[in-house]
């Protein structure tokens, strides 16, 4: 994995992340595009590396997946893991 949890995001497309700017501001109007991220194990630019990622056109699917996983985790905790879960697809047929 090139970028992992705990890495610091130093810059987006060459624009340094500096307070009070929120990192999300640097992703505005970048949907479905390649974006260069500057990443480091330390919160400094010295020794940082760059990676190119393609952004999503929508985060809706990720939010839905997170909701499903959160709900599944809550059910497993409440039942001690004794619940069988499955996914159902619902199709709407139109004439």
C-alpha atoms as a PDB file:
ATOM      1  CA  UNK A   1       0.000   0.000   0.000  1.00  0.00           C
ATOM      2  CA  UNK A   2       1.449   3.341  -1.027  1.00  0.00           C
ATOM      3  CA  UNK A   3      -0.576   5.458   1.405  1.00  0.00           C
ATOM      4  CA  UNK A   4      -1.585   4.049   4.751  1.00  0.00           C
ATOM      5  CA  UNK A   5      -3.409   5.097   7.860  1.00  0.00           C
ATOM      6  CA  UNK A   6      -1.243   7.426   9.929  1.00  0.00           C
ATOM      7  CA  UNK A   7       0.549   9.025   6.964  1.00  0.00           C
ATOM      8  CA  UNK A   8       0.485  12.824   6.859  1.00  0.00           C
ATOM      9  CA  UNK A   9      -1.031  14.638   3.880  1.00  0.00           C
ATOM     10  CA  UNK A  10       1.404  17.483   3.191  1.00  0.00           C
ATOM     11  CA  UNK A  11       0.115  18.869  -0.115  1.00  0.00           C
ATOM     12  CA  UNK A  12      -2.482  18.357  -2.852  1.00  0.00           C
ATOM     13  CA  UNK A  13      -1.469  19.125  -6.450  1.00  0.00           C
ATOM     14  CA  UNK A  14       1.543  21.049  -5.134  1.00  0.00           C
ATOM     15  CA  UNK A  15      -0.514  23.239  -2.786  1.00  0.00           C
ATOM     16  CA  UNK A  16       0.713  22.907   0.799  1.00  0.00           C
ATOM     17  CA  UNK A  17      -1.884  22.253   3.450  1.00  0.00           C
ATOM     18  CA  UNK A  18      -1.698  25.057   5.983  1.00  0.00           C
ATOM     19  CA  UNK A  19      -4.085  26.091   8.750  1.00  0.00           C
ATOM     20  CA  UNK A  20      -6.710  27.424   8.770  1.00  0.00           C
ATOM     21  CA  UNK A  21      -7.452  25.891   5.357  1.00  0.00           C
ATOM     22  CA  UNK A  22      -9.238  22.548   5.485  1.00  0.00           C
ATOM     23  CA  UNK A  23      -7.605  19.829   3.351  1.00  0.00           C
ATOM     24  CA  UNK A  24     -10.972  19.137   1.705  1.00  0.00           C
ATOM     25  CA  UNK A  25     -10.854  22.598   0.094  1.00  0.00           C
ATOM     26  CA  UNK A  26      -7.974  21.434  -2.097  1.00  0.00           C
ATOM     27  CA  UNK A  27     -10.158  18.719  -3.609  1.00  0.00           C
ATOM     28  CA  UNK A  28     -12.915  21.060  -4.845  1.00  0.00           C
ATOM     29  CA  UNK A  29     -13.594  20.558  -8.585  1.00  0.00           C
ATOM     30  CA  UNK A  30     -11.297  17.525  -8.825  1.00  0.00           C
ATOM     31  CA  UNK A  31     -13.999  14.868  -9.255  1.00  0.00           C
ATOM     32  CA  UNK A  32     -12.919  11.931 -11.427  1.00  0.00           C
ATOM     33  CA  UNK A  33      -9.453  13.449 -12.011  1.00  0.00           C
ATOM     34  CA  UNK A  34      -5.884  12.460 -11.236  1.00  0.00           C
ATOM     35  CA  UNK A  35      -4.601  14.304  -8.165  1.00  0.00           C
ATOM     36  CA  UNK A  36      -1.021  14.386  -6.884  1.00  0.00           C
ATOM     37  CA  UNK A  37      -0.719  13.895  -3.133  1.00  0.00           C
ATOM     38  CA  UNK A  38       2.407  14.651  -1.140  1.00  0.00           C
ATOM     39  CA  UNK A  39       2.594  12.157   1.729  1.00  0.00           C
ATOM     40  CA  UNK A  40       5.040  11.671   4.594  1.00  0.00           C
ATOM     41  CA  UNK A  41       5.451   9.633   7.765  1.00  0.00           C
ATOM     42  CA  UNK A  42       6.273  12.914   9.555  1.00  0.00           C
ATOM     43  CA  UNK A  43       4.346  16.226   9.455  1.00  0.00           C
ATOM     44  CA  UNK A  44       7.062  17.870   7.327  1.00  0.00           C
ATOM     45  CA  UNK A  45       7.825  18.167   3.622  1.00  0.00           C
ATOM     46  CA  UNK A  46      11.390  16.891   4.114  1.00  0.00           C
ATOM     47  CA  UNK A  47      11.530  13.297   2.915  1.00  0.00           C
ATOM     48  CA  UNK A  48       7.952  13.321   1.588  1.00  0.00           C
ATOM     49  CA  UNK A  49       6.880  11.246  -1.402  1.00  0.00           C
ATOM     50  CA  UNK A  50       4.261  11.892  -4.059  1.00  0.00           C
ATOM     51  CA  UNK A  51       1.549   9.594  -5.284  1.00  0.00           C
ATOM     52  CA  UNK A  52      -1.064  10.079  -7.971  1.00  0.00           C
ATOM     53  CA  UNK A  53      -4.622   9.001  -7.209  1.00  0.00           C
ATOM     54  CA  UNK A  54      -7.842   9.277  -9.167  1.00  0.00           C
ATOM     55  CA  UNK A  55     -10.641  10.906  -7.217  1.00  0.00           C
ATOM     56  CA  UNK A  56     -14.191   9.618  -7.117  1.00  0.00           C
ATOM     57  CA  UNK A  57     -16.930  11.342  -9.033  1.00  0.00           C
ATOM     58  CA  UNK A  58     -19.244  10.802  -6.055  1.00  0.00           C
ATOM     59  CA  UNK A  59     -18.754   9.665  -2.476  1.00  0.00           C
ATOM     60  CA  UNK A  60     -22.325   8.386  -2.171  1.00  0.00           C
ATOM     61  CA  UNK A  61     -21.372   4.718  -2.591  1.00  0.00           C
ATOM     62  CA  UNK A  62     -18.673   5.043   0.099  1.00  0.00           C
ATOM     63  CA  UNK A  63     -21.104   6.696   2.509  1.00  0.00           C
ATOM     64  CA  UNK A  64     -23.659   3.930   1.895  1.00  0.00           C
ATOM     65  CA  UNK A  65     -21.030   1.221   2.429  1.00  0.00           C
ATOM     66  CA  UNK A  66     -19.947   2.895   5.666  1.00  0.00           C
ATOM     67  CA  UNK A  67     -23.562   3.011   6.841  1.00  0.00           C
ATOM     68  CA  UNK A  68     -24.060  -0.694   6.085  1.00  0.00           C
ATOM     69  CA  UNK A  69     -20.820  -1.651   7.854  1.00  0.00           C
ATOM     70  CA  UNK A  70     -21.684   0.520  10.863  1.00  0.00           C
ATOM     71  CA  UNK A  71     -25.145  -1.041  11.126  1.00  0.00           C
ATOM     72  CA  UNK A  72     -23.720  -4.563  10.721  1.00  0.00           C
ATOM     73  CA  UNK A  73     -21.206  -3.871  13.499  1.00  0.00           C
ATOM     74  CA  UNK A  74     -23.958  -2.591  15.825  1.00  0.00           C
ATOM     75  CA  UNK A  75     -26.080  -5.694  15.184  1.00  0.00           C
ATOM     76  CA  UNK A  76     -23.119  -8.017  15.769  1.00  0.00           C
ATOM     77  CA  UNK A  77     -22.325  -6.257  19.052  1.00  0.00           C
ATOM     78  CA  UNK A  78     -25.939  -6.361  20.218  1.00  0.00           C
ATOM     79  CA  UNK A  79     -26.348 -10.072  19.406  1.00  0.00           C
ATOM     80  CA  UNK A  80     -22.892 -11.314  20.286  1.00  0.00           C
ATOM     81  CA  UNK A  81     -22.249 -12.102  16.632  1.00  0.00           C
ATOM     82  CA  UNK A  82     -25.050 -14.662  16.373  1.00  0.00           C
ATOM     83  CA  UNK A  83     -26.724 -13.059  13.357  1.00  0.00           C
ATOM     84  CA  UNK A  84     -26.381 -14.198   9.777  1.00  0.00           C
ATOM     85  CA  UNK A  85     -26.313 -11.267   7.396  1.00  0.00           C
ATOM     86  CA  UNK A  86     -26.861 -11.268   3.684  1.00  0.00           C
ATOM     87  CA  UNK A  87     -27.244  -8.739   0.931  1.00  0.00           C
ATOM     88  CA  UNK A  88     -30.375  -8.543  -1.172  1.00  0.00           C
ATOM     89  CA  UNK A  89     -30.637  -6.848  -4.524  1.00  0.00           C
ATOM     90  CA  UNK A  90     -33.912  -5.167  -5.303  1.00  0.00           C
ATOM     91  CA  UNK A  91     -34.755  -4.735  -8.934  1.00  0.00           C
ATOM     92  CA  UNK A  92     -37.465  -2.493 -10.247  1.00  0.00           C
ATOM     93  CA  UNK A  93     -38.937  -3.743 -13.485  1.00  0.00           C
ATOM     94  CA  UNK A  94     -40.499  -1.180 -15.755  1.00  0.00           C
ATOM     95  CA  UNK A  95     -42.561  -1.824 -18.818  1.00  0.00           C
END
